Protein backbone atom coordinates (compact mmCIF):
# COMPACT_ATOMS: atom_id res chain seq x y z
CA UNK A 1 97.09 98.57 96.87
CA UNK A 2 97.02 101.81 98.67
CA UNK A 3 96.26 102.98 102.15
CA UNK A 4 93.86 105.77 102.86
CA UNK A 5 94.38 107.50 106.13
CA UNK A 6 91.29 108.61 107.95
CA UNK A 7 91.59 111.43 110.47
CA UNK A 8 88.84 113.41 112.19
CA UNK A 9 89.93 116.66 113.81
CA UNK A 10 87.46 117.66 116.51
CA UNK A 11 87.52 120.71 118.71
CA UNK A 12 85.52 122.13 121.67
CA UNK A 13 82.43 120.18 123.01
CA UNK A 14 78.95 119.20 124.61
CA UNK A 15 75.09 115.76 125.28
CA UNK A 16 72.95 113.70 122.87
CA UNK A 17 69.84 112.38 121.22
CA UNK A 18 69.38 110.61 117.92
CA UNK A 19 68.15 112.58 114.93
CA UNK A 20 64.41 112.81 115.12
CA UNK A 21 61.60 113.41 112.67
CA UNK A 22 61.97 116.82 111.09
CA UNK A 23 59.28 119.40 111.56
CA UNK A 24 60.65 121.68 108.83
CA UNK A 25 62.32 120.74 105.55
CA UNK A 26 66.08 121.11 105.31
CA UNK A 27 67.68 123.39 102.72
CA UNK A 28 70.78 122.80 100.60
CA UNK A 29 72.84 125.58 99.00
CA UNK A 30 75.66 124.62 96.63
CA UNK A 31 78.44 127.04 95.82
CA UNK A 32 81.46 126.34 93.60
CA UNK A 33 83.39 124.98 96.62
CA UNK A 34 80.96 124.28 99.47
CA UNK A 35 77.70 122.47 100.10
CA UNK A 36 75.69 124.00 102.93
CA UNK A 37 72.91 121.88 104.43
CA UNK A 38 70.79 123.37 107.19
CA UNK A 39 67.66 122.82 109.24
CA UNK A 40 67.26 126.60 109.29
CA UNK A 41 65.94 128.92 106.56
CA UNK A 42 67.08 129.39 102.98
CA UNK A 43 68.17 132.92 103.89
CA UNK A 44 70.37 131.57 106.68
CA UNK A 45 71.76 128.88 104.40
CA UNK A 46 72.79 131.44 101.79
CA UNK A 47 74.41 133.63 104.45
CA UNK A 48 76.49 130.70 105.70
CA UNK A 49 77.45 129.78 102.13
CA UNK A 50 78.52 133.36 101.42
CA UNK A 51 80.56 133.47 104.65
CA UNK A 52 82.44 130.30 103.75
CA UNK A 53 83.20 131.54 100.25
CA UNK A 54 84.52 134.76 101.80
CA UNK A 55 86.65 132.71 104.20
CA UNK A 56 88.10 130.73 101.31
CA UNK A 57 88.90 133.91 99.36
CA UNK A 58 90.51 135.55 102.39
CA UNK A 59 92.84 132.58 102.87
CA UNK A 60 93.59 132.44 99.16
CA UNK A 61 94.67 136.07 99.20
CA UNK A 62 96.99 135.49 102.14
CA UNK A 63 98.42 132.19 100.83
CA UNK A 64 98.25 132.45 97.04
CA UNK A 65 100.49 129.41 96.61
CA UNK A 66 98.48 127.11 98.87
CA UNK A 67 95.85 124.71 97.59
CA UNK A 68 92.82 126.07 99.40
CA UNK A 69 90.29 123.92 97.54
CA UNK A 70 89.54 120.28 98.25
CA UNK A 71 89.14 117.71 95.47
CA UNK A 72 85.45 117.59 96.41
CA UNK A 73 83.27 120.29 98.02
CA UNK A 74 83.40 120.78 101.77
CA UNK A 75 80.02 119.87 103.29
CA UNK A 76 78.81 122.33 105.93
CA UNK A 77 76.06 121.20 108.31
CA UNK A 78 74.63 124.42 109.76
CA UNK A 79 72.38 123.47 112.69
CA UNK A 80 70.03 126.03 114.12
CA UNK A 81 70.00 125.15 117.85
CA UNK A 82 71.77 123.21 120.58
CA UNK A 83 69.23 120.38 120.74
CA UNK A 84 69.60 119.39 117.08
CA UNK A 85 73.33 120.06 117.22
CA UNK A 86 73.80 117.56 120.05
CA UNK A 87 72.15 114.88 117.90
CA UNK A 88 75.19 115.09 115.61
CA UNK A 89 78.08 115.82 117.95
CA UNK A 90 80.84 113.21 118.25
CA UNK A 91 80.14 110.88 121.14
CA UNK A 92 83.51 111.41 122.76
CA UNK A 93 82.59 115.05 123.35
CA UNK A 94 79.21 114.47 124.98
CA UNK A 95 80.38 114.02 128.55
CA UNK A 96 78.48 115.83 131.25
CA UNK A 97 79.98 119.20 132.06
CA UNK A 98 81.99 119.47 128.87
CA UNK A 99 82.52 122.84 127.19
CA UNK A 100 79.73 123.73 124.79
CA UNK A 101 80.77 123.16 121.19
CA UNK A 102 80.30 125.84 118.55
CA UNK A 103 81.78 124.06 115.56
CA UNK A 104 84.13 121.37 114.32
CA UNK A 105 85.95 120.36 111.17
CA UNK A 106 86.00 116.63 110.33
CA UNK A 107 88.22 115.71 107.42
CA UNK A 108 89.41 112.68 105.52
CA UNK A 109 90.96 112.15 102.09
CA UNK A 110 87.54 111.74 100.47
CA UNK A 111 85.04 113.91 102.36
CA UNK A 112 85.35 117.00 104.50
CA UNK A 113 82.62 118.05 106.90
CA UNK A 114 82.06 121.18 108.95
CA UNK A 115 79.49 121.11 111.75
CA UNK A 116 78.24 124.53 112.93
CA UNK A 117 75.77 125.57 115.58
CA UNK A 118 74.06 128.70 114.28
CA UNK A 119 73.10 129.98 117.73
CA UNK A 120 76.66 129.64 119.05
CA UNK A 121 77.69 132.49 121.30
CA UNK A 122 81.02 133.96 122.28
CA UNK A 123 83.52 136.31 120.73
CA UNK A 124 84.80 133.75 118.21
CA UNK A 125 82.29 130.88 118.05
CA UNK A 126 83.80 129.36 114.89
CA UNK A 127 87.45 129.62 115.90
CA UNK A 128 87.72 125.82 115.76
CA UNK A 129 86.59 125.78 112.13
CA UNK A 130 89.04 128.49 111.06
CA UNK A 131 91.83 126.78 113.00
CA UNK A 132 91.33 123.45 111.25
CA UNK A 133 90.80 125.10 107.86
CA UNK A 134 94.36 126.44 108.11
CA UNK A 135 95.64 122.91 108.78
CA UNK A 136 93.48 121.65 105.92
CA UNK A 137 94.78 124.01 103.25
CA UNK A 138 98.40 123.28 104.10
CA UNK A 139 97.88 119.54 104.33
CA UNK A 140 96.52 119.64 100.74
CA UNK A 141 99.07 122.02 99.30
CA UNK A 142 102.49 121.48 97.85
CA UNK A 143 104.24 123.00 100.86
CA UNK A 144 105.13 121.39 104.16
CA UNK A 145 105.11 123.48 107.32
CA UNK A 146 107.22 122.83 110.41
CA UNK A 147 105.06 121.97 113.42
CA UNK A 148 105.54 125.30 115.21
CA UNK A 149 104.46 127.31 112.17
CA UNK A 150 101.57 124.97 111.31
CA UNK A 151 100.13 125.43 114.80
CA UNK A 152 101.12 129.08 115.05
CA UNK A 153 99.29 130.04 111.85
CA UNK A 154 96.22 128.05 112.89
CA UNK A 155 96.15 129.85 116.25
CA UNK A 156 96.76 133.21 114.57
CA UNK A 157 93.95 132.87 112.02
CA UNK A 158 91.34 131.23 114.22
CA UNK A 159 90.18 134.65 115.51
CA UNK A 160 89.63 135.99 111.99
CA UNK A 161 86.60 138.23 111.49
CA UNK A 162 85.31 138.45 107.89
CA UNK A 163 83.14 141.46 107.13
CA UNK A 164 81.72 142.87 103.91
CA UNK A 165 84.52 145.35 103.29
CA UNK A 166 87.37 144.22 105.51
CA UNK A 167 88.93 141.22 107.20
CA UNK A 168 90.41 141.42 110.71
CA UNK A 169 93.12 138.85 111.40
CA UNK A 170 95.19 138.00 114.46
CA UNK A 171 93.26 139.44 117.38
CA UNK A 172 95.64 138.92 120.33
CA UNK A 173 94.92 136.03 122.69
CA UNK A 174 95.10 137.55 126.18
CA UNK A 175 95.39 134.10 127.79
CA UNK A 176 98.47 133.27 125.74
CA UNK A 177 100.01 136.64 126.56
CA UNK A 178 99.47 136.22 130.31
CA UNK A 179 100.83 132.67 130.23
CA UNK A 180 103.98 133.70 128.36
CA UNK A 181 104.59 136.66 130.69
CA UNK A 182 104.58 134.22 133.64
CA UNK A 183 106.75 131.57 131.98
CA UNK A 184 110.14 131.60 130.33
CA UNK A 185 110.09 131.20 126.56
CA UNK A 186 111.57 128.12 124.93
CA UNK A 187 114.85 128.76 123.10
CA UNK A 188 113.92 129.29 119.47
CA UNK A 189 116.19 126.41 118.41
CA UNK A 190 114.02 124.15 120.60
CA UNK A 191 110.77 125.62 119.28
CA UNK A 192 111.84 125.11 115.65
CA UNK A 193 112.87 121.49 116.29
CA UNK A 194 109.52 120.37 117.75
CA UNK A 195 107.74 117.73 115.68
CA UNK A 196 104.76 115.44 116.28
CA UNK A 197 106.91 113.01 118.26
CA UNK A 198 108.21 115.69 120.61
CA UNK A 199 107.06 115.89 124.26
CA UNK A 200 106.44 119.59 123.61
CA UNK A 201 103.70 118.52 121.22
CA UNK A 202 102.06 115.83 123.37
CA UNK A 203 102.74 116.38 127.09
CA UNK A 204 100.35 118.88 128.68
CA UNK A 205 102.90 120.64 130.87
CA UNK A 206 105.20 121.19 127.88
CA UNK A 207 102.62 121.60 125.12
CA UNK A 208 101.16 124.72 126.77
CA UNK A 209 104.36 126.69 126.32
CA UNK A 210 104.87 125.32 122.80
CA UNK A 211 101.43 126.34 121.51
CA UNK A 212 101.50 129.73 123.21
CA UNK A 213 104.97 130.57 121.93
CA UNK A 214 104.20 129.28 118.42
CA UNK A 215 101.22 131.67 118.36
CA UNK A 216 103.27 134.56 119.75
CA UNK A 217 106.17 134.21 117.29
CA UNK A 218 103.76 133.87 114.36
CA UNK A 219 101.86 136.94 115.54
CA UNK A 220 105.08 138.94 115.88
CA UNK A 221 106.35 137.91 112.44
CA UNK A 222 103.01 138.57 110.74
CA UNK A 223 102.73 142.06 112.26
CA UNK A 224 106.37 142.79 111.44
CA UNK A 225 105.75 141.71 107.84
CA UNK A 226 102.92 144.26 107.60
CA UNK A 227 105.15 147.11 108.74
CA UNK A 228 108.33 146.08 106.91
CA UNK A 229 106.51 145.22 103.66
CA UNK A 230 108.40 141.93 103.46
CA UNK A 231 107.23 138.45 104.36
CA UNK A 232 109.89 136.44 106.23
CA UNK A 233 107.48 133.58 106.85
CA UNK A 234 107.12 132.84 103.14
CA UNK A 235 110.92 132.97 102.82
CA UNK A 236 111.25 130.55 105.74
CA UNK A 237 108.70 128.13 104.28
CA UNK A 238 110.49 128.17 100.94
CA UNK A 239 113.79 127.29 102.65
CA UNK A 240 112.49 124.39 104.75
CA UNK A 241 110.70 122.99 101.72
CA UNK A 242 114.08 122.93 100.02
CA UNK A 243 115.42 120.78 102.88
CA UNK A 244 117.24 123.55 104.73
CA UNK A 245 117.14 122.56 108.40
CA UNK A 246 114.62 124.62 110.43
CA UNK A 247 117.22 126.47 112.54
CA UNK A 248 119.38 127.50 109.57
CA UNK A 249 116.26 128.44 107.61
CA UNK A 250 115.05 130.58 110.51
CA UNK A 251 118.40 132.37 110.82
CA UNK A 252 118.37 133.11 107.10
CA UNK A 253 114.75 134.29 107.01
CA UNK A 254 114.36 135.94 110.44
CA UNK A 255 117.90 137.06 111.29
CA UNK A 256 119.91 136.41 114.45
CA UNK A 257 117.85 134.11 116.68
CA UNK A 258 119.12 135.57 119.98
CA UNK A 259 118.06 139.01 118.82
CA UNK A 260 114.72 137.58 117.69
CA UNK A 261 114.14 136.07 121.15
CA UNK A 262 114.82 139.43 122.80
CA UNK A 263 112.49 141.20 120.37
CA UNK A 264 109.75 138.65 121.02
CA UNK A 265 110.04 139.14 124.81
CA UNK A 266 109.84 142.92 124.39
CA UNK A 267 106.87 142.50 122.05
CA UNK A 268 104.95 140.44 124.61
CA UNK A 269 105.53 143.04 127.34
CA UNK A 270 103.72 145.77 125.38
CA UNK A 271 100.54 147.07 127.04
CA UNK A 272 98.55 145.94 124.02
CA UNK A 273 99.16 144.10 120.75
CA UNK A 274 97.72 145.10 117.42
CA UNK A 275 96.11 142.98 114.72
CA UNK A 276 95.83 143.10 110.95
CA UNK A 277 93.00 144.75 109.04
CA UNK A 278 92.85 144.00 105.33
CA UNK A 279 90.51 146.50 103.74
CA UNK A 280 88.63 145.93 100.53
CA UNK A 281 85.49 144.04 99.72
CA UNK A 282 85.63 140.29 99.26
CA UNK A 283 83.33 139.76 96.33
CA UNK A 284 81.31 136.56 96.10
CA UNK A 285 79.32 135.59 93.02
CA UNK A 286 76.03 134.72 94.71
CA UNK A 287 74.40 134.12 91.34
CA UNK A 288 76.38 130.85 91.20
CA UNK A 289 74.64 129.54 94.34
CA UNK A 290 72.14 126.73 93.70
CA UNK A 291 69.41 126.22 96.25
CA UNK A 292 66.97 123.36 96.76
CA UNK A 293 64.78 121.88 99.48
CA UNK A 294 65.73 118.41 100.67
CA UNK A 295 63.24 115.64 101.29
CA UNK A 296 63.22 114.18 104.82
CA UNK A 297 64.91 111.05 103.47
CA UNK A 298 67.68 113.10 101.87
CA UNK A 299 68.39 115.11 105.01
CA UNK A 300 68.34 111.92 107.12
CA UNK A 301 70.91 110.44 104.75
CA UNK A 302 73.18 113.47 105.20
CA UNK A 303 72.95 113.10 108.98
CA UNK A 304 73.59 109.35 108.84
CA UNK A 305 76.72 109.88 106.75
CA UNK A 306 78.07 112.54 109.10
CA UNK A 307 77.39 110.35 112.13
CA UNK A 308 79.36 107.56 110.46
CA UNK A 309 82.29 109.87 109.77
CA UNK A 310 82.48 110.99 113.42
CA UNK A 311 82.30 107.38 114.69
CA UNK A 312 78.72 107.38 116.01
CA UNK A 313 78.19 104.02 114.40
CA UNK A 314 75.12 102.83 116.33
CA UNK A 315 73.20 106.05 115.66
CA UNK A 316 74.23 106.09 112.03
CA UNK A 317 73.20 102.47 111.47
CA UNK A 318 69.79 102.97 113.11
CA UNK A 319 69.12 105.94 110.88
CA UNK A 320 70.33 104.06 107.79
CA UNK A 321 68.06 101.09 108.53
CA UNK A 322 65.11 103.46 108.74
CA UNK A 323 66.06 105.18 105.49
CA UNK A 324 66.51 101.96 103.53
CA UNK A 325 63.18 100.58 104.69
CA UNK A 326 61.47 103.64 103.25
CA UNK A 327 63.78 104.21 100.26
CA UNK A 328 65.79 101.11 99.29
CA UNK A 329 67.13 102.97 96.24
CA UNK A 330 68.76 105.75 98.29
CA UNK A 331 72.35 105.85 97.01
CA UNK A 332 73.70 107.92 99.88
CA UNK A 333 72.47 105.42 102.47
CA UNK A 334 74.11 102.53 100.61
CA UNK A 335 77.33 104.55 100.34
CA UNK A 336 77.37 105.12 104.09
CA UNK A 337 76.67 101.42 104.69
CA UNK A 338 79.78 100.78 102.59
CA UNK A 339 81.78 103.14 104.78
CA UNK A 340 80.64 101.36 107.97
CA UNK A 341 81.53 97.95 106.50
CA UNK A 342 84.92 99.32 105.44
CA UNK A 343 85.60 100.49 108.99
CA UNK A 344 84.93 96.95 110.22
CA UNK A 345 87.15 95.37 107.56
CA UNK A 346 84.15 93.62 105.96
CA UNK A 347 85.35 94.21 102.44
CA UNK A 348 82.83 92.03 100.62
CA UNK A 349 79.93 93.73 102.42
CA UNK A 350 81.48 97.10 101.62
CA UNK A 351 81.85 96.21 97.93
CA UNK A 352 78.22 95.03 97.76
CA UNK A 353 77.00 98.27 99.40
CA UNK A 354 79.04 100.49 97.10
CA UNK A 355 77.89 98.49 94.08
CA UNK A 356 74.27 99.25 94.98
CA UNK A 357 75.13 102.90 95.59
CA UNK A 358 76.73 103.14 92.14
CA UNK A 359 73.66 101.56 90.58
CA UNK A 360 71.43 104.29 92.03
CA UNK A 361 73.92 107.15 91.57
CA UNK A 362 76.22 106.34 88.63
CA UNK A 363 77.54 109.92 88.43
CA UNK A 364 79.18 109.86 91.86
CA UNK A 365 82.94 109.47 91.40
CA UNK A 366 83.58 108.76 95.08
CA UNK A 367 81.19 105.80 95.09
CA UNK A 368 82.95 104.27 92.07
CA UNK A 369 86.33 104.75 93.72
CA UNK A 370 85.18 103.30 97.04
CA UNK A 371 83.69 100.27 95.30
CA UNK A 372 87.00 99.56 93.54
CA UNK A 373 88.99 99.76 96.79
CA UNK A 374 86.56 97.47 98.62
CA UNK A 375 86.42 94.96 95.74
CA UNK A 376 90.22 94.80 95.58
CA UNK A 377 90.44 94.24 99.33
CA UNK A 378 87.81 91.53 99.05
CA UNK A 379 90.08 89.66 96.62
CA UNK A 380 88.20 90.68 93.52
CA UNK A 381 91.03 90.67 90.99
CA UNK A 382 90.13 87.20 89.75
CA UNK A 383 86.40 87.64 89.16
CA UNK A 384 85.83 91.40 89.34
CA UNK A 385 88.83 92.76 87.47
CA UNK A 386 86.82 94.25 84.63
CA UNK A 387 84.33 95.84 87.02
CA UNK A 388 87.14 97.24 89.20
CA UNK A 389 88.81 98.77 86.16
CA UNK A 390 85.51 100.21 84.92
CA UNK A 391 84.81 101.75 88.32
CA UNK A 392 88.25 103.35 88.58
CA UNK A 393 87.94 104.67 85.04
CA UNK A 394 84.52 106.10 85.89
CA UNK A 395 85.95 107.80 89.00
CA UNK A 396 88.83 109.38 87.06
CA UNK A 397 86.49 110.49 84.26
CA UNK A 398 83.89 112.00 86.59
CA UNK A 399 86.57 113.79 88.64
CA UNK A 400 89.90 114.05 86.79
CA UNK A 401 91.38 115.92 89.77
CA UNK A 402 90.76 113.20 92.36
CA UNK A 403 94.34 112.00 92.89
CA UNK A 404 93.58 108.81 94.92
CA UNK A 405 91.59 107.34 92.00
CA UNK A 406 94.34 108.17 89.51
CA UNK A 407 96.88 106.57 91.80
CA UNK A 408 94.76 103.45 92.35
CA UNK A 409 94.05 102.97 88.64
CA UNK A 410 97.78 103.18 87.96
CA UNK A 411 98.38 100.55 90.66
CA UNK A 412 95.70 98.34 89.14
CA UNK A 413 97.46 98.41 85.78
CA UNK A 414 100.81 97.67 87.40
CA UNK A 415 99.35 94.63 89.14
CA UNK A 416 97.78 93.55 85.86
CA UNK A 417 101.06 94.12 84.02
CA UNK A 418 99.45 96.16 81.22
CA UNK A 419 98.86 99.73 80.05
CA UNK A 420 102.07 100.77 81.85
CA UNK A 421 102.55 103.93 79.78
CA UNK A 422 99.04 105.07 80.68
CA UNK A 423 99.63 104.09 84.30
CA UNK A 424 102.70 106.31 84.42
CA UNK A 425 100.73 109.27 83.07
CA UNK A 426 98.07 108.66 85.73
CA UNK A 427 100.71 108.58 88.47
CA UNK A 428 102.34 111.75 87.18
CA UNK A 429 98.98 113.51 87.31
CA UNK A 430 98.40 112.29 90.88
CA UNK A 431 101.77 113.73 91.90
CA UNK A 432 100.95 117.04 90.23
CA UNK A 433 97.69 117.23 92.16
CA UNK A 434 99.27 116.28 95.51
CA UNK A 435 102.99 117.08 95.24
CA UNK A 436 103.85 116.26 98.85
CA UNK A 437 102.29 112.80 98.84
CA UNK A 438 105.40 110.64 99.25
CA UNK A 439 103.47 107.44 98.55
CA UNK A 440 102.43 108.55 95.06
CA UNK A 441 106.10 109.11 94.24
CA UNK A 442 107.02 105.70 95.65
CA UNK A 443 104.29 104.11 93.57
CA UNK A 444 105.63 105.92 90.51
CA UNK A 445 109.10 104.54 91.23
CA UNK A 446 107.71 101.01 91.45
CA UNK A 447 105.99 101.54 88.11
CA UNK A 448 109.24 102.71 86.52
CA UNK A 449 110.93 99.51 87.66
CA UNK A 450 108.21 97.52 85.90
CA UNK A 451 108.98 99.60 82.82
CA UNK A 452 112.68 98.60 83.06
CA UNK A 453 113.71 102.17 84.04
CA UNK A 454 115.55 101.73 87.35
CA UNK A 455 117.63 104.91 87.03
CA UNK A 456 114.47 107.01 86.66
CA UNK A 457 112.92 105.13 89.58
CA UNK A 458 115.89 105.98 91.81
CA UNK A 459 115.64 109.64 90.83
CA UNK A 460 111.97 109.68 91.82
CA UNK A 461 112.80 108.07 95.17
CA UNK A 462 115.50 110.65 95.77
CA UNK A 463 112.87 113.37 95.46
CA UNK A 464 110.51 111.41 97.71
CA UNK A 465 113.25 111.15 100.35
CA UNK A 466 113.67 114.93 100.31
CA UNK A 467 109.95 115.30 101.04
CA UNK A 468 109.63 112.55 103.67
CA UNK A 469 108.70 113.89 107.09
CA UNK A 470 109.15 110.93 109.43
CA UNK A 471 111.65 108.07 109.99
CA UNK A 472 109.23 105.36 108.85
CA UNK A 473 108.79 107.04 105.46
CA UNK A 474 112.53 107.47 105.05
CA UNK A 475 113.17 103.84 106.00
CA UNK A 476 110.59 102.63 103.50
CA UNK A 477 112.12 104.76 100.74
CA UNK A 478 115.62 103.56 101.58
CA UNK A 479 114.47 99.94 101.51
CA UNK A 480 112.92 100.50 98.09
CA UNK A 481 116.08 102.20 96.80
CA UNK A 482 118.22 99.26 97.91
CA UNK A 483 115.90 96.82 96.16
CA UNK A 484 115.98 98.81 92.93
CA UNK A 485 119.76 99.05 93.07
CA UNK A 486 119.94 95.26 93.32
CA UNK A 487 117.57 94.98 90.37
CA UNK A 488 119.70 97.40 88.36
CA UNK A 489 122.81 95.38 89.18
CA UNK A 490 121.05 92.25 87.87
CA UNK A 491 120.20 94.07 84.63
CA UNK A 492 123.78 95.27 84.20
CA UNK A 493 125.11 91.76 84.85
CA UNK A 494 122.88 90.34 82.16
CA UNK A 495 124.05 93.00 79.73
CA UNK A 496 127.66 92.02 80.42
CA UNK A 497 126.88 88.33 80.05
CA UNK A 498 124.71 88.50 76.97
CA UNK A 499 125.74 91.73 75.31
CA UNK A 500 122.12 92.87 75.32
CA UNK A 501 121.16 96.51 75.04
CA UNK A 502 119.48 97.87 78.17
CA UNK A 503 116.33 98.56 76.23
CA UNK A 504 116.09 94.91 75.22
CA UNK A 505 116.66 93.36 78.64
CA UNK A 506 113.87 91.04 79.75
CA UNK A 507 114.28 89.30 83.07
CA UNK A 508 112.08 87.32 85.40
CA UNK A 509 114.23 88.48 88.33
CA UNK A 510 112.19 91.60 88.87
CA UNK A 511 111.54 93.63 91.97
CA UNK A 512 107.77 93.28 92.31
CA UNK A 513 105.88 95.54 94.67
CA UNK A 514 103.30 93.39 96.39
CA UNK A 515 101.21 95.99 98.20
CA UNK A 516 102.55 99.50 97.99
CA UNK A 517 100.53 101.39 100.56
CA UNK A 518 99.62 105.06 100.43
CA UNK A 519 97.15 107.38 102.03
CA UNK A 520 94.48 106.58 99.49
CA UNK A 521 92.98 103.44 101.02
CA UNK A 522 89.72 103.44 102.95
CA UNK A 523 91.05 101.31 105.79
CA UNK A 524 91.07 103.19 109.13
CA UNK A 525 94.34 102.40 110.84
CA UNK A 526 96.16 103.13 114.04
CA UNK A 527 99.00 105.61 114.09
CA UNK A 528 102.45 104.31 113.43
CA UNK A 529 104.33 103.12 116.50
CA UNK A 530 106.94 105.61 117.76
CA UNK A 531 110.51 104.75 116.86
CA UNK A 532 112.52 103.80 119.97
CA UNK A 533 115.87 102.49 118.76
CA UNK A 534 118.29 101.98 115.89
CA UNK A 535 117.31 100.43 112.59
CA UNK A 536 118.21 96.74 112.16
CA UNK A 537 118.00 94.10 109.43
CA UNK A 538 117.48 90.35 109.85
CA UNK A 539 116.89 87.45 107.46
CA UNK A 540 114.98 84.30 108.35
CA UNK A 541 111.65 82.46 108.23
CA UNK A 542 108.41 84.16 109.27
CA UNK A 543 106.12 82.34 111.69
CA UNK A 544 103.31 82.91 114.21
CA UNK A 545 101.87 85.73 112.10
CA UNK A 546 98.91 87.19 113.98
CA UNK A 547 96.75 90.21 113.11
CA UNK A 548 94.31 91.99 115.38
CA UNK A 549 91.97 94.96 115.09
CA UNK A 550 92.31 97.44 113.63
CA UNK A 551 95.67 96.81 111.91
CA UNK A 552 98.15 95.39 114.40
CA UNK A 553 100.38 92.52 113.25
CA UNK A 554 102.79 90.41 115.32
CA UNK A 555 105.16 87.77 114.00
CA UNK A 556 108.38 85.91 114.71
CA UNK A 557 111.47 85.76 112.53
CA UNK A 558 113.61 82.64 113.01
CA UNK A 559 117.13 82.54 111.65
CA UNK A 560 119.46 83.76 114.36
CA UNK A 561 120.30 82.43 117.79
CA UNK A 562 116.69 82.88 118.84
CA UNK A 563 113.48 83.98 117.08
CA UNK A 564 112.86 87.73 116.97
CA UNK A 565 109.45 88.96 118.11
CA UNK A 566 108.42 91.80 115.80
CA UNK A 567 105.27 93.87 115.50
CA UNK A 568 103.60 96.83 113.84
CA UNK A 569 100.54 98.77 114.92
CA UNK A 570 99.76 99.41 111.28
CA UNK A 571 100.57 96.61 108.84
CA UNK A 572 99.27 98.81 105.99
CA UNK A 573 102.27 101.11 106.54
CA UNK A 574 104.81 98.30 106.14
CA UNK A 575 106.67 98.32 102.79
CA UNK A 576 106.25 94.89 101.16
CA UNK A 577 108.42 93.74 98.27
CA UNK A 578 109.75 90.58 96.67
CA UNK A 579 113.01 89.68 94.97
CA UNK A 580 113.57 87.08 92.23
CA UNK A 581 109.97 85.96 92.00
CA UNK A 582 106.47 87.30 91.46
CA UNK A 583 104.15 86.60 94.40
CA UNK A 584 100.37 86.58 94.36
CA UNK A 585 98.98 89.84 93.03
CA UNK A 586 96.74 90.22 96.07
CA UNK A 587 99.05 89.29 98.95
CA UNK A 588 97.39 89.49 102.35
CA UNK A 589 100.06 90.06 105.02
CA UNK A 590 97.89 88.47 107.71
CA UNK A 591 97.54 85.14 105.90
CA UNK A 592 100.26 84.89 103.25
CA UNK A 593 103.49 85.53 105.19
CA UNK A 594 103.54 82.34 107.27
CA UNK A 595 106.65 80.17 106.65
CA UNK A 596 108.00 82.58 104.04
CA UNK A 597 111.70 83.45 103.86
CA UNK A 598 112.15 87.18 104.24
CA UNK A 599 114.50 90.03 104.96
CA UNK A 600 112.88 92.23 107.62
CA UNK A 601 113.95 95.73 108.51
CA UNK A 602 112.85 97.05 111.88
CA UNK A 603 113.51 99.61 114.58
CA UNK A 604 114.53 98.26 117.96
CA UNK A 605 111.82 98.93 120.56
CA UNK A 606 113.35 98.24 123.97
CA UNK A 607 110.32 99.66 125.78
CA UNK A 608 107.83 97.61 123.74
CA UNK A 609 106.47 94.14 124.39
CA UNK A 610 108.09 93.13 121.09
CA UNK A 611 111.75 93.42 120.15
CA UNK A 612 111.22 95.54 117.08
CA UNK A 613 108.87 97.72 115.06
CA UNK A 614 108.57 96.44 111.48
CA UNK A 615 109.51 98.87 108.69
CA UNK A 616 109.65 96.58 105.66
CA UNK A 617 109.34 92.93 104.65
CA UNK A 618 111.17 91.71 101.56
CA UNK A 619 110.08 88.19 100.53
CA UNK A 620 112.73 85.94 99.03
CA UNK A 621 112.78 82.70 97.07
């Protein structure tokens, strides 16, 4: 069963009032890659749609290897004025005196929303949207970017101006320039080593210099690439994606780092910095745009769904109740009710809501997928197995490029112990669609073990380890590799004992993945707990297992001189496995671990209230 991560990236800010009765009908414009919904005019809607298609094309030209398109269209809510805009803004940004928000990008694995205020003022009112779009395209592509370059490119492109016959990119940020002229630059070795756990990424007094310098170095390299007709950034990205460490990769791609630092300082002292102008029309096929007028119920449903995605639960629920009283067959409202129930961990309620949504909109792949996830979480394997399978098949048929559904259908077949060849093809396709998703590769390795192919499974995990970006991922992969190696040793021993060919080996002593988690689940979870100490292993009996919202789990492991107190902020990120027996197909870590014998791997957490942060739990007979 697989874990979907939900993240909303919100920028800028503003006050509130719930969506009210609409005086004018809303308009929807669908393009090949965007859905624009607005309370303004059709003309305005088409202009916004054209602008977003131009934006997409501009990024595609600059990053031809990146995956600039989502698996489903990005939904743009273009709101005509501040009053209506405030009715949709995230609550956390509605404090009195906050900066007025011009736009935001809210994204998850399943839906991506952009909220725009059409009367936004300022030199770059949609900088926040462009900034997050850069993060979006790289998070979906096959390439991983070091933190400094990820942020530097986002800062560089957020001031982009897209016109009919040219695109201006990289207008200098005078505030960054002034700040860097007053402060000493970080050594480039330090800048390149910053990751999401670094104080330079999180602490205000250190993050300021990191973000400003990341922008400045990116700006310098991009301008230099224009003049030198070479692109060192693409060379650098290629190196780090081949596991060359960031400092060595930078030296290879950019040259001597001391010389680069000096050049960057000289660059920042110039009276003025230039920017890029890419000339040439960006053509958009406006004949492909499809326009329609929404009913008040339909536009209310769009607002209710967006409010749910940005955590304005009370407002969303009030609007949904009103919609369903007037239109009980509104599929979108039932879908959003499913999302709200999912957020609360009410899986049966979520499954019921998604089932109704699918009844009223059977062509919506996301509804079918969401129903299957909720039904599985609700323990539906026993009495809903056929319906779960049918829903996942519908999702993969309606959208063959939606990787989470392919991955989940493969997992379903693994747990059912059937159609393993088809499951492997599904998993391969998911990996092709999202090459940097480590969890898909881990799931594929688990499937290969079920198919009695441990050597292939280890090869897949080796690739996954090369792509892993944090210690928890690496620890989970290593734990899985060790389990498969034990399984392989058991197979080899049986061959020696019985003289059986490897292809004929059948053993009940299998390594069975209980709940392999990935980023495809709908459960909103807390971030993983930071690693504080060395990795340890202990074997004993689990007891006092306690779970609390949203996904924290605490337990004790007895077996040594005294019980260990262990915890995780996110029990969906723990790697669960079993050796020498097949546990329940739908193991619930909060209820099914008590009094079980287990090998637990954890990181010591001397500053935590518990003694260790759980990485993996291997159940034993």
